């Protein structure tokens, strides 16, 4: 067997983990596994943040629409014609003459 074939065969068999210098290889292997776990964890946390951001943006759009609808209803309720119609159903009429100012003078 050539040296390259033997190296590939030994690698596939996993002899780099079981031979005499395996302790050095195990340390590197464990370090790489820890780095992979950290990468996977941070990717999952990033995905959770993206999902939370999209949920909050959807909720913000819904609340904004509700705010605009409520403002529109309020503006319609404050219109003078609506107020006059509601006052008329209660039997109130607008004044024919302007209101008079009452002054109170207090003498000591």
PDB file of N, CA and C in Angstrom:
ATOM      1  N   UNK A   1       0.836  -1.174   0.000  1.00  0.00           N
ATOM      2  CA  UNK A   1       0.000   0.000   0.000  1.00  0.00           C
ATOM      3  C   UNK A   1       0.884   1.241   0.000  1.00  0.00           C
ATOM      4  N   UNK A   2       0.460   2.244  -0.750  1.00  0.00           N
ATOM      5  CA  UNK A   2       1.248   3.472  -0.760  1.00  0.00           C
ATOM      6  C   UNK A   2       1.017   4.237   0.538  1.00  0.00           C
ATOM      7  N   UNK A   3       1.880   5.203   0.779  1.00  0.00           N
ATOM      8  CA  UNK A   3       1.811   5.959   2.031  1.00  0.00           C
ATOM      9  C   UNK A   3       0.520   6.782   2.108  1.00  0.00           C
ATOM     10  N   UNK A   4       0.068   7.332   0.974  1.00  0.00           N
ATOM     11  CA  UNK A   4      -1.157   8.134   0.950  1.00  0.00           C
ATOM     12  C   UNK A   4      -2.368   7.242   1.240  1.00  0.00           C
ATOM     13  N   UNK A   5      -2.412   6.070   0.586  1.00  0.00           N
ATOM     14  CA  UNK A   5      -3.531   5.154   0.813  1.00  0.00           C
ATOM     15  C   UNK A   5      -3.562   4.695   2.263  1.00  0.00           C
ATOM     16  N   UNK A   6      -2.388   4.415   2.816  1.00  0.00           N
ATOM     17  CA  UNK A   6      -2.316   3.966   4.198  1.00  0.00           C
ATOM     18  C   UNK A   6      -2.795   5.066   5.142  1.00  0.00           C
ATOM     19  N   UNK A   7      -2.410   6.325   4.869  1.00  0.00           N
ATOM     20  CA  UNK A   7      -2.846   7.449   5.701  1.00  0.00           C
ATOM     21  C   UNK A   7      -4.349   7.636   5.660  1.00  0.00           C
ATOM     22  N   UNK A   8      -4.941   7.544   4.473  1.00  0.00           N
ATOM     23  CA  UNK A   8      -6.388   7.677   4.335  1.00  0.00           C
ATOM     24  C   UNK A   8      -7.088   6.518   5.041  1.00  0.00           C
ATOM     25  N   UNK A   9      -6.559   5.296   4.854  1.00  0.00           N
ATOM     26  CA  UNK A   9      -7.146   4.113   5.494  1.00  0.00           C
ATOM     27  C   UNK A   9      -7.082   4.227   7.014  1.00  0.00           C
ATOM     28  N   UNK A  10      -5.941   4.683   7.541  1.00  0.00           N
ATOM     29  CA  UNK A  10      -5.813   4.858   8.994  1.00  0.00           C
ATOM     30  C   UNK A  10      -6.782   5.929   9.511  1.00  0.00           C
ATOM     31  N   UNK A  11      -6.938   6.980   8.734  1.00  0.00           N
ATOM     32  CA  UNK A  11      -7.864   8.052   9.154  1.00  0.00           C
ATOM     33  C   UNK A  11      -9.301   7.540   9.191  1.00  0.00           C
ATOM     34  N   UNK A  12      -9.694   6.792   8.151  1.00  0.00           N
ATOM     35  CA  UNK A  12     -11.056   6.272   8.104  1.00  0.00           C
ATOM     36  C   UNK A  12     -11.310   5.240   9.205  1.00  0.00           C
ATOM     37  N   UNK A  13     -10.296   4.478   9.560  1.00  0.00           N
ATOM     38  CA  UNK A  13     -10.425   3.500  10.640  1.00  0.00           C
ATOM     39  C   UNK A  13     -10.471   4.179  12.007  1.00  0.00           C
ATOM     40  N   UNK A  14      -9.958   5.409  12.090  1.00  0.00           N
ATOM     41  CA  UNK A  14      -9.947   6.124  13.357  1.00  0.00           C
ATOM     42  C   UNK A  14      -8.740   5.809  14.205  1.00  0.00           C
ATOM     43  N   UNK A  15      -7.675   5.366  13.582  1.00  0.00           N
ATOM     44  CA  UNK A  15      -6.489   4.999  14.362  1.00  0.00           C
ATOM     45  C   UNK A  15      -5.799   6.230  14.954  1.00  0.00           C
ATOM     46  N   UNK A  16      -6.099   7.412  14.428  1.00  0.00           N
ATOM     47  CA  UNK A  16      -5.496   8.629  14.996  1.00  0.00           C
ATOM     48  C   UNK A  16      -6.039   8.898  16.400  1.00  0.00           C
ATOM     49  N   UNK A  17      -7.145   8.266  16.760  1.00  0.00           N
ATOM     50  CA  UNK A  17      -7.696   8.425  18.103  1.00  0.00           C
ATOM     51  C   UNK A  17      -7.269   7.313  19.058  1.00  0.00           C
ATOM     52  N   UNK A  18      -6.698   6.246  18.523  1.00  0.00           N
ATOM     53  CA  UNK A  18      -6.366   5.103  19.381  1.00  0.00           C
ATOM     54  C   UNK A  18      -4.883   4.795  19.463  1.00  0.00           C
ATOM     55  N   UNK A  19      -4.035   5.456  18.712  1.00  0.00           N
ATOM     56  CA  UNK A  19      -2.604   5.131  18.778  1.00  0.00           C
ATOM     57  C   UNK A  19      -1.937   5.818  19.964  1.00  0.00           C
ATOM     58  N   UNK A  20      -0.631   5.775  20.043  1.00  0.00           N
ATOM     59  CA  UNK A  20       0.121   6.241  21.213  1.00  0.00           C
ATOM     60  C   UNK A  20      -0.009   7.747  21.438  1.00  0.00           C
ATOM     61  N   UNK A  21      -0.053   8.527  20.390  1.00  0.00           N
ATOM     62  CA  UNK A  21      -0.160   9.984  20.552  1.00  0.00           C
ATOM     63  C   UNK A  21      -1.616  10.453  20.504  1.00  0.00           C
ATOM     64  N   UNK A  22      -2.534   9.606  20.895  1.00  0.00           N
ATOM     65  CA  UNK A  22      -3.963   9.911  20.804  1.00  0.00           C
ATOM     66  C   UNK A  22      -4.387  11.009  21.777  1.00  0.00           C
ATOM     67  N   UNK A  23      -3.682  11.154  22.905  1.00  0.00           N
ATOM     68  CA  UNK A  23      -4.079  12.172  23.883  1.00  0.00           C
ATOM     69  C   UNK A  23      -4.031  13.566  23.264  1.00  0.00           C
ATOM     70  N   UNK A  24      -3.007  13.844  22.487  1.00  0.00           N
ATOM     71  CA  UNK A  24      -2.894  15.137  21.819  1.00  0.00           C
ATOM     72  C   UNK A  24      -4.035  15.311  20.811  1.00  0.00           C
ATOM     73  N   UNK A  25      -4.340  14.257  20.104  1.00  0.00           N
ATOM     74  CA  UNK A  25      -5.426  14.319  19.127  1.00  0.00           C
ATOM     75  C   UNK A  25      -6.782  14.482  19.812  1.00  0.00           C
ATOM     76  N   UNK A  26      -6.992  13.844  20.941  1.00  0.00           N
ATOM     77  CA  UNK A  26      -8.253  13.969  21.661  1.00  0.00           C
ATOM     78  C   UNK A  26      -8.487  15.393  22.146  1.00  0.00           C
ATOM     79  N   UNK A  27      -7.423  16.042  22.608  1.00  0.00           N
ATOM     80  CA  UNK A  27      -7.573  17.436  23.062  1.00  0.00           C
ATOM     81  C   UNK A  27      -8.042  18.329  21.920  1.00  0.00           C
ATOM     82  N   UNK A  28      -7.445  18.161  20.749  1.00  0.00           N
ATOM     83  CA  UNK A  28      -7.839  18.961  19.589  1.00  0.00           C
ATOM     84  C   UNK A  28      -9.279  18.616  19.188  1.00  0.00           C
ATOM     85  N   UNK A  29      -9.589  17.324  19.195  1.00  0.00           N
ATOM     86  CA  UNK A  29     -10.925  16.874  18.834  1.00  0.00           C
ATOM     87  C   UNK A  29     -11.977  17.461  19.779  1.00  0.00           C
ATOM     88  N   UNK A  30     -11.724  17.424  21.068  1.00  0.00           N
ATOM     89  CA  UNK A  30     -12.663  17.981  22.053  1.00  0.00           C
ATOM     90  C   UNK A  30     -12.795  19.494  21.887  1.00  0.00           C
ATOM     91  N   UNK A  31     -11.689  20.170  21.613  1.00  0.00           N
ATOM     92  CA  UNK A  31     -11.725  21.617  21.385  1.00  0.00           C
ATOM     93  C   UNK A  31     -12.582  21.953  20.166  1.00  0.00           C
ATOM     94  N   UNK A  32     -12.436  21.193  19.097  1.00  0.00           N
ATOM     95  CA  UNK A  32     -13.226  21.431  17.884  1.00  0.00           C
ATOM     96  C   UNK A  32     -14.711  21.166  18.156  1.00  0.00           C
ATOM     97  N   UNK A  33     -15.002  20.104  18.908  1.00  0.00           N
ATOM     98  CA  UNK A  33     -16.401  19.801  19.240  1.00  0.00           C
ATOM     99  C   UNK A  33     -17.006  20.926  20.074  1.00  0.00           C
ATOM    100  N   UNK A  34     -16.256  21.459  21.029  1.00  0.00           N
ATOM    101  CA  UNK A  34     -16.756  22.584  21.839  1.00  0.00           C
ATOM    102  C   UNK A  34     -17.023  23.810  20.975  1.00  0.00           C
ATOM    103  N   UNK A  35     -16.113  24.087  20.045  1.00  0.00           N
ATOM    104  CA  UNK A  35     -16.339  25.218  19.144  1.00  0.00           C
ATOM    105  C   UNK A  35     -17.586  25.013  18.289  1.00  0.00           C
ATOM    106  N   UNK A  36     -17.802  23.803  17.824  1.00  0.00           N
ATOM    107  CA  UNK A  36     -19.001  23.510  17.042  1.00  0.00           C
ATOM    108  C   UNK A  36     -20.269  23.680  17.875  1.00  0.00           C
ATOM    109  N   UNK A  37     -20.230  23.223  19.119  1.00  0.00           N
ATOM    110  CA  UNK A  37     -21.400  23.386  19.995  1.00  0.00           C
ATOM    111  C   UNK A  37     -21.702  24.858  20.254  1.00  0.00           C
ATOM    112  N   UNK A  38     -20.671  25.649  20.459  1.00  0.00           N
ATOM    113  CA  UNK A  38     -20.867  27.094  20.667  1.00  0.00           C
ATOM    114  C   UNK A  38     -21.458  27.728  19.416  1.00  0.00           C
ATOM    115  N   UNK A  39     -20.982  27.338  18.248  1.00  0.00           N
ATOM    116  CA  UNK A  39     -21.501  27.890  16.994  1.00  0.00           C
ATOM    117  C   UNK A  39     -22.974  27.520  16.799  1.00  0.00           C
ATOM    118  N   UNK A  40     -23.305  26.268  17.068  1.00  0.00           N
ATOM    119  CA  UNK A  40     -24.699  25.824  16.906  1.00  0.00           C
ATOM    120  C   UNK A  40     -25.609  26.554  17.892  1.00  0.00           C
ATOM    121  N   UNK A  41     -25.153  26.713  19.130  1.00  0.00           N
ATOM    122  CA  UNK A  41     -25.949  27.412  20.141  1.00  0.00           C
ATOM    123  C   UNK A  41     -26.193  28.865  19.750  1.00  0.00           C
ATOM    124  N   UNK A  42     -25.157  29.533  19.291  1.00  0.00           N
ATOM    125  CA  UNK A  42     -25.327  30.937  18.915  1.00  0.00           C
ATOM    126  C   UNK A  42     -26.228  31.068  17.687  1.00  0.00           C
ATOM    127  N   UNK A  43     -26.171  30.113  16.766  1.00  0.00           N
ATOM    128  CA  UNK A  43     -27.059  30.147  15.603  1.00  0.00           C
ATOM    129  C   UNK A  43     -28.514  29.976  16.029  1.00  0.00           C
ATOM    130  N   UNK A  44     -28.773  29.072  16.969  1.00  0.00           N
ATOM    131  CA  UNK A  44     -30.142  28.881  17.459  1.00  0.00           C
ATOM    132  C   UNK A  44     -30.640  30.131  18.176  1.00  0.00           C
ATOM    133  N   UNK A  45     -29.790  30.751  18.965  1.00  0.00           N
ATOM    134  CA  UNK A  45     -30.206  31.977  19.657  1.00  0.00           C
ATOM    135  C   UNK A  45     -30.503  33.085  18.659  1.00  0.00           C
ATOM    136  N   UNK A  46     -29.699  33.182  17.594  1.00  0.00           N
ATOM    137  CA  UNK A  46     -29.947  34.194  16.566  1.00  0.00           C
ATOM    138  C   UNK A  46     -31.281  33.931  15.866  1.00  0.00           C
ATOM    139  N   UNK A  47     -31.577  32.668  15.590  1.00  0.00           N
ATOM    140  CA  UNK A  47     -32.862  32.334  14.966  1.00  0.00           C
ATOM    141  C   UNK A  47     -34.028  32.712  15.875  1.00  0.00           C
ATOM    142  N   UNK A  48     -33.894  32.455  17.174  1.00  0.00           N
ATOM    143  CA  UNK A  48     -34.955  32.829  18.121  1.00  0.00           C
ATOM    144  C   UNK A  48     -35.165  34.341  18.122  1.00  0.00           C
ATOM    145  N   UNK A  49     -34.062  35.095  18.068  1.00  0.00           N
ATOM    146  CA  UNK A  49     -34.181  36.559  18.052  1.00  0.00           C
ATOM    147  C   UNK A  49     -34.894  37.029  16.785  1.00  0.00           C
ATOM    148  N   UNK A  50     -34.574  36.426  15.643  1.00  0.00           N
ATOM    149  CA  UNK A  50     -35.214  36.812  14.383  1.00  0.00           C
ATOM    150  C   UNK A  50     -36.713  36.537  14.449  1.00  0.00           C
ATOM    151  N   UNK A  51     -37.091  35.384  14.994  1.00  0.00           N
ATOM    152  CA  UNK A  51     -38.511  35.045  15.125  1.00  0.00           C
ATOM    153  C   UNK A  51     -39.210  36.028  16.064  1.00  0.00           C
ATOM    154  N   UNK A  52     -38.550  36.369  17.164  1.00  0.00           N
ATOM    155  CA  UNK A  52     -39.144  37.311  18.116  1.00  0.00           C
ATOM    156  C   UNK A  52     -39.289  38.700  17.484  1.00  0.00           C
ATOM    157  N   UNK A  53     -38.310  39.126  16.716  1.00  0.00           N
ATOM    158  CA  UNK A  53     -38.385  40.433  16.054  1.00  0.00           C
ATOM    159  C   UNK A  53     -39.533  40.460  15.065  1.00  0.00           C
ATOM    160  N   UNK A  54     -39.711  39.396  14.285  1.00  0.00           N
ATOM    161  CA  UNK A  54     -40.814  39.373  13.316  1.00  0.00           C
ATOM    162  C   UNK A  54     -42.168  39.369  14.025  1.00  0.00           C
ATOM    163  N   UNK A  55     -42.268  38.646  15.154  1.00  0.00           N
ATOM    164  CA  UNK A  55     -43.526  38.632  15.912  1.00  0.00           C
ATOM    165  C   UNK A  55     -43.837  40.025  16.462  1.00  0.00           C
ATOM    166  N   UNK A  56     -42.818  40.699  16.991  1.00  0.00           N
ATOM    167  CA  UNK A  56     -43.035  42.033  17.541  1.00  0.00           C
ATOM    168  C   UNK A  56     -43.370  43.047  16.447  1.00  0.00           C
ATOM    169  N   UNK A  57     -42.776  42.906  15.266  1.00  0.00           N
ATOM    170  CA  UNK A  57     -43.114  43.803  14.154  1.00  0.00           C
ATOM    171  C   UNK A  57     -44.561  43.609  13.719  1.00  0.00           C
ATOM    172  N   UNK A  58     -45.020  42.357  13.702  1.00  0.00           N
ATOM    173  CA  UNK A  58     -46.416  42.088  13.346  1.00  0.00           C
ATOM    174  C   UNK A  58     -47.351  42.707  14.377  1.00  0.00           C
ATOM    175  N   UNK A  59     -47.019  42.539  15.651  1.00  0.00           N
ATOM    176  CA  UNK A  59     -47.842  43.114  16.718  1.00  0.00           C
ATOM    177  C   UNK A  59     -47.838  44.644  16.636  1.00  0.00           C
ATOM    178  N   UNK A  60     -46.690  45.227  16.295  1.00  0.00           N
ATOM    179  CA  UNK A  60     -46.600  46.684  16.158  1.00  0.00           C
ATOM    180  C   UNK A  60     -47.499  47.182  15.028  1.00  0.00           C
ATOM    181  N   UNK A  61     -47.519  46.464  13.893  1.00  0.00           N
ATOM    182  CA  UNK A  61     -48.382  46.862  12.781  1.00  0.00           C
ATOM    183  C   UNK A  61     -49.853  46.777  13.168  1.00  0.00           C
ATOM    184  N   UNK A  62     -50.223  45.721  13.917  1.00  0.00           N
ATOM    185  CA  UNK A  62     -51.620  45.581  14.353  1.00  0.00           C
ATOM    186  C   UNK A  62     -52.011  46.709  15.302  1.00  0.00           C
ATOM    187  N   UNK A  63     -51.138  47.035  16.246  1.00  0.00           N
ATOM    188  CA  UNK A  63     -51.440  48.115  17.189  1.00  0.00           C
ATOM    189  C   UNK A  63     -51.503  49.467  16.479  1.00  0.00           C
ATOM    190  N   UNK A  64     -50.650  49.664  15.489  1.00  0.00           N
ATOM    191  CA  UNK A  64     -50.666  50.915  14.729  1.00  0.00           C
ATOM    192  C   UNK A  64     -51.993  51.044  13.974  1.00  0.00           C
ATOM    193  N   UNK A  65     -52.454  49.950  13.372  1.00  0.00           N
ATOM    194  CA  UNK A  65     -53.734  49.974  12.653  1.00  0.00           C
ATOM    195  C   UNK A  65     -54.881  50.263  13.615  1.00  0.00           C
ATOM    196  N   UNK A  66     -54.837  49.660  14.792  1.00  0.00           N
ATOM    197  CA  UNK A  66     -55.877  49.913  15.794  1.00  0.00           C
ATOM    198  C   UNK A  66     -55.861  51.371  16.239  1.00  0.00           C
ATOM    199  N   UNK A  67     -54.661  51.940  16.392  1.00  0.00           N
ATOM    200  CA  UNK A  67     -54.524  53.343  16.786  1.00  0.00           C
ATOM    201  C   UNK A  67     -55.137  54.255  15.729  1.00  0.00           C
ATOM    202  N   UNK A  68     -54.848  53.974  14.462  1.00  0.00           N
ATOM    203  CA  UNK A  68     -55.384  54.809  13.381  1.00  0.00           C
ATOM    204  C   UNK A  68     -56.909  54.692  13.330  1.00  0.00           C
ATOM    205  N   UNK A  69     -57.430  53.465  13.476  1.00  0.00           N
ATOM    206  CA  UNK A  69     -58.888  53.276  13.464  1.00  0.00           C
ATOM    207  C   UNK A  69     -59.553  54.020  14.620  1.00  0.00           C
ATOM    208  N   UNK A  70     -58.978  53.928  15.800  1.00  0.00           N
ATOM    209  CA  UNK A  70     -59.541  54.611  16.963  1.00  0.00           C
ATOM    210  C   UNK A  70     -59.498  56.124  16.774  1.00  0.00           C
ATOM    211  N   UNK A  71     -58.404  56.625  16.206  1.00  0.00           N
ATOM    212  CA  UNK A  71     -58.314  58.067  15.943  1.00  0.00           C
ATOM    213  C   UNK A  71     -59.358  58.521  14.952  1.00  0.00           C
ATOM    214  N   UNK A  72     -59.626  57.705  13.942  1.00  0.00           N
ATOM    215  CA  UNK A  72     -60.644  58.052  12.951  1.00  0.00           C
ATOM    216  C   UNK A  72     -62.028  58.102  13.589  1.00  0.00           C
ATOM    217  N   UNK A  73     -62.331  57.118  14.423  1.00  0.00           N
ATOM    218  CA  UNK A  73     -63.634  57.099  15.109  1.00  0.00           C
ATOM    219  C   UNK A  73     -63.771  58.322  16.014  1.00  0.00           C
ATOM    220  N   UNK A  74     -62.713  58.651  16.725  1.00  0.00           N
ATOM    221  CA  UNK A  74     -62.750  59.816  17.618  1.00  0.00           C
ATOM    222  C   UNK A  74     -62.970  61.104  16.832  1.00  0.00           C
ATOM    223  N   UNK A  75     -62.304  61.258  15.712  1.00  0.00           N
ATOM    224  CA  UNK A  75     -62.475  62.478  14.905  1.00  0.00           C
ATOM    225  C   UNK A  75     -63.912  62.590  14.388  1.00  0.00           C
ATOM    226  N   UNK A  76     -64.497  61.454  14.019  1.00  0.00           N
ATOM    227  CA  UNK A  76     -65.889  61.494  13.554  1.00  0.00           C
ATOM    228  C   UNK A  76     -66.833  61.862  14.694  1.00  0.00           C
ATOM    229  N   UNK A  77     -66.539  61.369  15.899  1.00  0.00           N
ATOM    230  CA  UNK A  77     -67.387  61.688  17.045  1.00  0.00           C
ATOM    231  C   UNK A  77     -67.279  63.168  17.420  1.00  0.00           C
ATOM    232  N   UNK A  78     -66.138  63.794  17.181  1.00  0.00           N
ATOM    233  CA  UNK A  78     -65.932  65.185  17.572  1.00  0.00           C
ATOM    234  C   UNK A  78     -66.449  66.181  16.537  1.00  0.00           C
ATOM    235  N   UNK A  79     -66.893  65.690  15.396  1.00  0.00           N
ATOM    236  CA  UNK A  79     -67.396  66.598  14.354  1.00  0.00           C
ATOM    237  C   UNK A  79     -68.646  67.322  14.853  1.00  0.00           C
ATOM    238  N   UNK A  80     -68.749  68.609  14.501  1.00  0.00           N
ATOM    239  CA  UNK A  80     -69.859  69.433  14.983  1.00  0.00           C
ATOM    240  C   UNK A  80     -71.205  68.890  14.530  1.00  0.00           C
ATOM    241  N   UNK A  81     -71.275  68.351  13.333  1.00  0.00           N
ATOM    242  CA  UNK A  81     -72.553  67.833  12.830  1.00  0.00           C
ATOM    243  C   UNK A  81     -73.012  66.631  13.661  1.00  0.00           C
ATOM    244  N   UNK A  82     -72.096  65.779  14.067  1.00  0.00           N
ATOM    245  CA  UNK A  82     -72.473  64.638  14.912  1.00  0.00           C
ATOM    246  C   UNK A  82     -72.921  65.099  16.291  1.00  0.00           C
ATOM    247  N   UNK A  83     -72.223  66.084  16.831  1.00  0.00           N
ATOM    248  CA  UNK A  83     -72.601  66.598  18.148  1.00  0.00           C
ATOM    249  C   UNK A  83     -73.982  67.242  18.094  1.00  0.00           C
ATOM    250  N   UNK A  84     -74.247  67.999  17.024  1.00  0.00           N
ATOM    251  CA  UNK A  84     -75.574  68.624  16.881  1.00  0.00           C
ATOM    252  C   UNK A  84     -76.669  67.568  16.751  1.00  0.00           C
ATOM    253  N   UNK A  85     -76.390  66.496  16.002  1.00  0.00           N
ATOM    254  CA  UNK A  85     -77.405  65.444  15.827  1.00  0.00           C
ATOM    255  C   UNK A  85     -77.690  64.748  17.159  1.00  0.00           C
ATOM    256  N   UNK A  86     -76.677  64.478  17.940  1.00  0.00           N
ATOM    257  CA  UNK A  86     -76.884  63.832  19.239  1.00  0.00           C
ATOM    258  C   UNK A  86     -77.613  64.757  20.210  1.00  0.00           C
ATOM    259  N   UNK A  87     -77.281  66.066  20.152  1.00  0.00           N
ATOM    260  CA  UNK A  87     -77.961  67.033  21.022  1.00  0.00           C
ATOM    261  C   UNK A  87     -79.437  67.163  20.627  1.00  0.00           C
ATOM    262  N   UNK A  88     -79.709  67.080  19.324  1.00  0.00           N
ATOM    263  CA  UNK A  88     -81.087  67.202  18.849  1.00  0.00           C
ATOM    264  C   UNK A  88     -81.930  66.020  19.324  1.00  0.00           C
ATOM    265  N   UNK A  89     -81.345  64.825  19.358  1.00  0.00           N
ATOM    266  CA  UNK A  89     -82.108  63.660  19.834  1.00  0.00           C
ATOM    267  C   UNK A  89     -82.430  63.780  21.325  1.00  0.00           C
ATOM    268  N   UNK A  90     -81.635  64.545  22.053  1.00  0.00           N
ATOM    269  CA  UNK A  90     -81.895  64.750  23.483  1.00  0.00           C
ATOM    270  C   UNK A  90     -82.792  65.964  23.738  1.00  0.00           C
ATOM    271  N   UNK A  91     -83.152  66.660  22.676  1.00  0.00           N
ATOM    272  CA  UNK A  91     -84.058  67.800  22.828  1.00  0.00           C
ATOM    273  C   UNK A  91     -83.336  69.117  23.043  1.00  0.00           C
ATOM    274  N   UNK A  92     -82.072  69.187  22.792  1.00  0.00           N
ATOM    275  CA  UNK A  92     -81.317  70.433  22.945  1.00  0.00           C
ATOM    276  C   UNK A  92     -81.242  71.145  21.603  1.00  0.00           C
ATOM    277  N   UNK A  93     -81.269  72.499  21.657  1.00  0.00           N
ATOM    278  CA  UNK A  93     -81.175  73.307  20.437  1.00  0.00           C
ATOM    279  C   UNK A  93     -80.014  74.282  20.585  1.00  0.00           C
ATOM    280  N   UNK A  94     -79.432  74.699  19.473  1.00  0.00           N
ATOM    281  CA  UNK A  94     -78.382  75.705  19.565  1.00  0.00           C
ATOM    282  C   UNK A  94     -78.968  77.061  19.991  1.00  0.00           C
ATOM    283  N   UNK A  95     -78.166  77.910  20.621  1.00  0.00           N
ATOM    284  CA  UNK A  95     -78.621  79.230  21.072  1.00  0.00           C
ATOM    285  C   UNK A  95     -78.904  80.140  19.884  1.00  0.00           C
ATOM    286  N   UNK A  96     -79.929  80.977  20.028  1.00  0.00           N
ATOM    287  CA  UNK A  96     -80.234  81.950  18.981  1.00  0.00           C
ATOM    288  C   UNK A  96     -79.422  83.219  19.175  1.00  0.00           C
ATOM    289  N   UNK A  97     -79.111  83.548  20.437  1.00  0.00           N
ATOM    290  CA  UNK A  97     -78.296  84.741  20.714  1.00  0.00           C
ATOM    291  C   UNK A  97     -76.983  84.287  21.337  1.00  0.00           C
ATOM    292  N   UNK A  98     -75.961  85.084  21.174  1.00  0.00           N
ATOM    293  CA  UNK A  98     -74.665  84.673  21.735  1.00  0.00           C
ATOM    294  C   UNK A  98     -74.702  84.667  23.265  1.00  0.00           C
ATOM    295  N   UNK A  99     -73.867  83.901  23.892  1.00  0.00           N
ATOM    296  CA  UNK A  99     -73.865  83.859  25.353  1.00  0.00           C
ATOM    297  C   UNK A  99     -73.368  85.176  25.940  1.00  0.00           C
ATOM    298  N   UNK A 100     -73.842  85.474  27.172  1.00  0.00           N
ATOM    299  CA  UNK A 100     -73.429  86.711  27.848  1.00  0.00           C
ATOM    300  C   UNK A 100     -72.423  86.374  28.913  1.00  0.00           C
ATOM    301  N   UNK A 101     -71.478  87.282  29.107  1.00  0.00           N
ATOM    302  CA  UNK A 101     -70.444  87.085  30.090  1.00  0.00           C
ATOM    303  C   UNK A 101     -70.936  87.636  31.436  1.00  0.00           C
ATOM    304  N   UNK A 102     -70.739  86.866  32.472  1.00  0.00           N
ATOM    305  CA  UNK A 102     -71.140  87.286  33.812  1.00  0.00           C
ATOM    306  C   UNK A 102     -69.870  87.648  34.569  1.00  0.00           C
ATOM    307  N   UNK A 103     -69.825  88.841  35.100  1.00  0.00           N
ATOM    308  CA  UNK A 103     -68.688  89.269  35.885  1.00  0.00           C
ATOM    309  C   UNK A 103     -69.073  89.313  37.357  1.00  0.00           C
ATOM    310  N   UNK A 104     -68.241  88.759  38.183  1.00  0.00           N
ATOM    311  CA  UNK A 104     -68.505  88.764  39.608  1.00  0.00           C
ATOM    312  C   UNK A 104     -67.459  89.692  40.226  1.00  0.00           C
ATOM    313  N   UNK A 105     -67.938  90.694  40.940  1.00  0.00           N
ATOM    314  CA  UNK A 105     -67.034  91.639  41.597  1.00  0.00           C
ATOM    315  C   UNK A 105     -67.133  91.402  43.091  1.00  0.00           C
ATOM    316  N   UNK A 106     -66.004  91.138  43.684  1.00  0.00           N
ATOM    317  CA  UNK A 106     -65.962  90.878  45.127  1.00  0.00           C
ATOM    318  C   UNK A 106     -65.354  92.119  45.796  1.00  0.00           C
ATOM    319  N   UNK A 107     -66.108  92.710  46.717  1.00  0.00           N
ATOM    320  CA  UNK A 107     -65.606  93.882  47.438  1.00  0.00           C
ATOM    321  C   UNK A 107     -65.239  93.458  48.846  1.00  0.00           C
ATOM    322  N   UNK A 108     -64.127  93.919  49.277  1.00  0.00           N
ATOM    323  CA  UNK A 108     -63.678  93.578  50.626  1.00  0.00           C
ATOM    324  C   UNK A 108     -64.207  94.542  51.646  1.00  0.00           C
TER     325      UNK A 108
END
